[in-house]
Protein backbone atom coordinates (compact mmCIF):
# COMPACT_ATOMS: atom_id res chain seq x y z
CA UNK A 1 2.75 10.11 -69.14
CA UNK A 2 6.13 11.80 -69.57
CA UNK A 3 6.63 15.37 -70.76
CA UNK A 4 7.99 14.29 -74.17
CA UNK A 5 4.86 12.19 -74.73
CA UNK A 6 2.67 15.17 -73.80
CA UNK A 7 4.68 17.24 -76.28
CA UNK A 8 4.11 14.56 -78.89
CA UNK A 9 0.37 14.92 -78.28
CA UNK A 10 0.64 18.68 -78.70
CA UNK A 11 2.60 18.08 -81.89
CA UNK A 12 -0.27 15.94 -83.16
CA UNK A 13 -2.69 18.82 -82.59
CA UNK A 14 -0.68 21.42 -84.54
CA UNK A 15 -1.47 20.05 -88.05
CA UNK A 16 -5.17 19.89 -87.21
CA UNK A 17 -5.15 23.51 -86.08
CA UNK A 18 -3.52 24.39 -89.40
CA UNK A 19 -6.25 22.39 -91.17
CA UNK A 20 -8.76 24.69 -89.53
CA UNK A 21 -6.81 27.73 -90.66
CA UNK A 22 -6.68 26.48 -94.25
CA UNK A 23 -10.41 25.65 -94.11
CA UNK A 24 -11.09 29.25 -93.12
CA UNK A 25 -9.18 30.45 -96.19
CA UNK A 26 -10.88 27.90 -98.44
CA UNK A 27 -14.21 29.36 -97.43
CA UNK A 28 -12.96 32.95 -97.68
CA UNK A 29 -11.18 32.57 -101.03
CA UNK A 30 -13.21 29.85 -102.73
CA UNK A 31 -16.65 30.20 -101.13
CA UNK A 32 -16.85 26.79 -99.44
CA UNK A 33 -14.91 23.85 -98.10
CA UNK A 34 -14.99 20.91 -100.51
CA UNK A 35 -14.91 17.72 -98.45
CA UNK A 36 -15.17 15.59 -101.59
CA UNK A 37 -11.94 16.87 -103.17
CA UNK A 38 -10.10 18.76 -100.43
CA UNK A 39 -6.63 18.38 -101.95
CA UNK A 40 -7.74 19.71 -105.28
CA UNK A 41 -9.34 22.67 -103.54
CA UNK A 42 -6.21 23.22 -101.44
CA UNK A 43 -4.21 23.48 -104.67
CA UNK A 44 -6.41 26.42 -105.69
CA UNK A 45 -5.54 28.49 -102.63
CA UNK A 46 -3.17 31.42 -102.86
CA UNK A 47 -1.37 33.60 -100.35
CA UNK A 48 -2.04 32.95 -96.69
CA UNK A 49 -4.34 30.01 -97.36
CA UNK A 50 -1.73 28.32 -99.51
CA UNK A 51 0.91 28.86 -96.85
CA UNK A 52 -1.42 27.36 -94.21
CA UNK A 53 -1.71 24.19 -96.30
CA UNK A 54 2.06 23.99 -96.71
CA UNK A 55 2.57 24.65 -92.98
CA UNK A 56 0.23 21.75 -92.24
CA UNK A 57 2.17 19.42 -94.54
CA UNK A 58 5.44 20.48 -92.95
CA UNK A 59 3.98 19.93 -89.48
CA UNK A 60 3.16 16.31 -90.35
CA UNK A 61 6.66 15.77 -91.72
CA UNK A 62 8.35 17.23 -88.64
CA UNK A 63 6.07 15.24 -86.35
CA UNK A 64 7.30 11.98 -87.86
CA UNK A 65 10.93 12.74 -87.03
CA UNK A 66 10.07 14.07 -83.57
CA UNK A 67 7.84 11.11 -82.74
CA UNK A 68 10.55 8.62 -83.58
CA UNK A 69 13.08 10.67 -81.60
CA UNK A 70 10.81 10.72 -78.54
CA UNK A 71 10.45 6.94 -78.62
CA UNK A 72 14.18 6.39 -79.15
CA UNK A 73 14.97 8.65 -76.19
CA UNK A 74 12.36 6.90 -74.07
CA UNK A 75 13.47 3.38 -74.97
CA UNK A 76 17.14 4.20 -74.43
CA UNK A 77 16.44 5.65 -70.98
CA UNK A 78 17.66 9.12 -71.89
CA UNK A 79 17.96 11.70 -69.14
CA UNK A 80 14.34 12.71 -68.41
CA UNK A 81 15.13 16.37 -67.77
CA UNK A 82 17.08 16.73 -71.01
CA UNK A 83 14.37 14.89 -72.94
CA UNK A 84 11.64 17.04 -71.42
CA UNK A 85 13.50 20.27 -72.16
CA UNK A 86 14.20 19.26 -75.75
CA UNK A 87 10.58 18.19 -76.28
CA UNK A 88 9.20 21.45 -74.88
CA UNK A 89 11.64 23.45 -77.01
CA UNK A 90 10.51 21.45 -80.06
CA UNK A 91 6.88 22.36 -79.37
CA UNK A 92 7.80 26.04 -79.03
CA UNK A 93 9.81 25.98 -82.26
CA UNK A 94 6.99 24.22 -84.13
CA UNK A 95 4.38 26.72 -82.94
CA UNK A 96 6.63 29.58 -84.04
CA UNK A 97 7.21 27.76 -87.32
CA UNK A 98 3.48 27.42 -88.00
CA UNK A 99 2.76 31.06 -87.19
CA UNK A 100 5.67 32.40 -89.22
CA UNK A 101 4.83 30.12 -92.15
CA UNK A 102 1.24 31.34 -92.33
CA UNK A 103 2.25 34.99 -91.83
CA UNK A 104 5.04 34.80 -94.43
CA UNK A 105 8.02 35.51 -92.20
CA UNK A 106 10.37 33.19 -94.06
CA UNK A 107 13.67 33.97 -92.28
CA UNK A 108 12.18 33.40 -88.81
CA UNK A 109 10.34 30.34 -90.12
CA UNK A 110 13.63 28.83 -91.29
CA UNK A 111 15.23 29.44 -87.90
CA UNK A 112 12.25 27.84 -86.14
CA UNK A 113 12.45 24.86 -88.48
CA UNK A 114 16.16 24.47 -87.77
CA UNK A 115 15.60 24.77 -84.02
CA UNK A 116 12.95 22.06 -84.08
CA UNK A 117 15.14 19.80 -86.18
CA UNK A 118 18.07 20.24 -83.78
CA UNK A 119 15.80 19.29 -80.87
CA UNK A 120 14.64 16.16 -82.68
CA UNK A 121 18.16 15.07 -83.60
CA UNK A 122 19.44 15.85 -80.10
CA UNK A 123 16.76 13.57 -78.64
CA UNK A 124 18.33 10.67 -80.53
CA UNK A 125 21.57 11.25 -78.63
CA UNK A 126 20.10 12.27 -75.27
């Protein structure tokens, strides 16, 4: 499996880690995790828990663009070193994005988002 595909797998894990973070805050803020109506309960979160939910949603959205970009680069026989470097940078940006989203560091979060987006777009042209 190529490095970009491994990075895609890591990208798939990030939203689930954020689900765990938001579950922690559901229990801490609301007393339990409601598996029957999790979205309704997520809407009741505030502060860090709320940001964890939004970070998870953003992670899924970014993963869609990145996943398509990885396959386009792969199918168009893009330079493997360039593709690998862009994919690893994307993972780093997305991890920073998740951490800064949850910890409310909005300016750094925006830079990390932009960096990840640039990596995804660049993969289309690699």
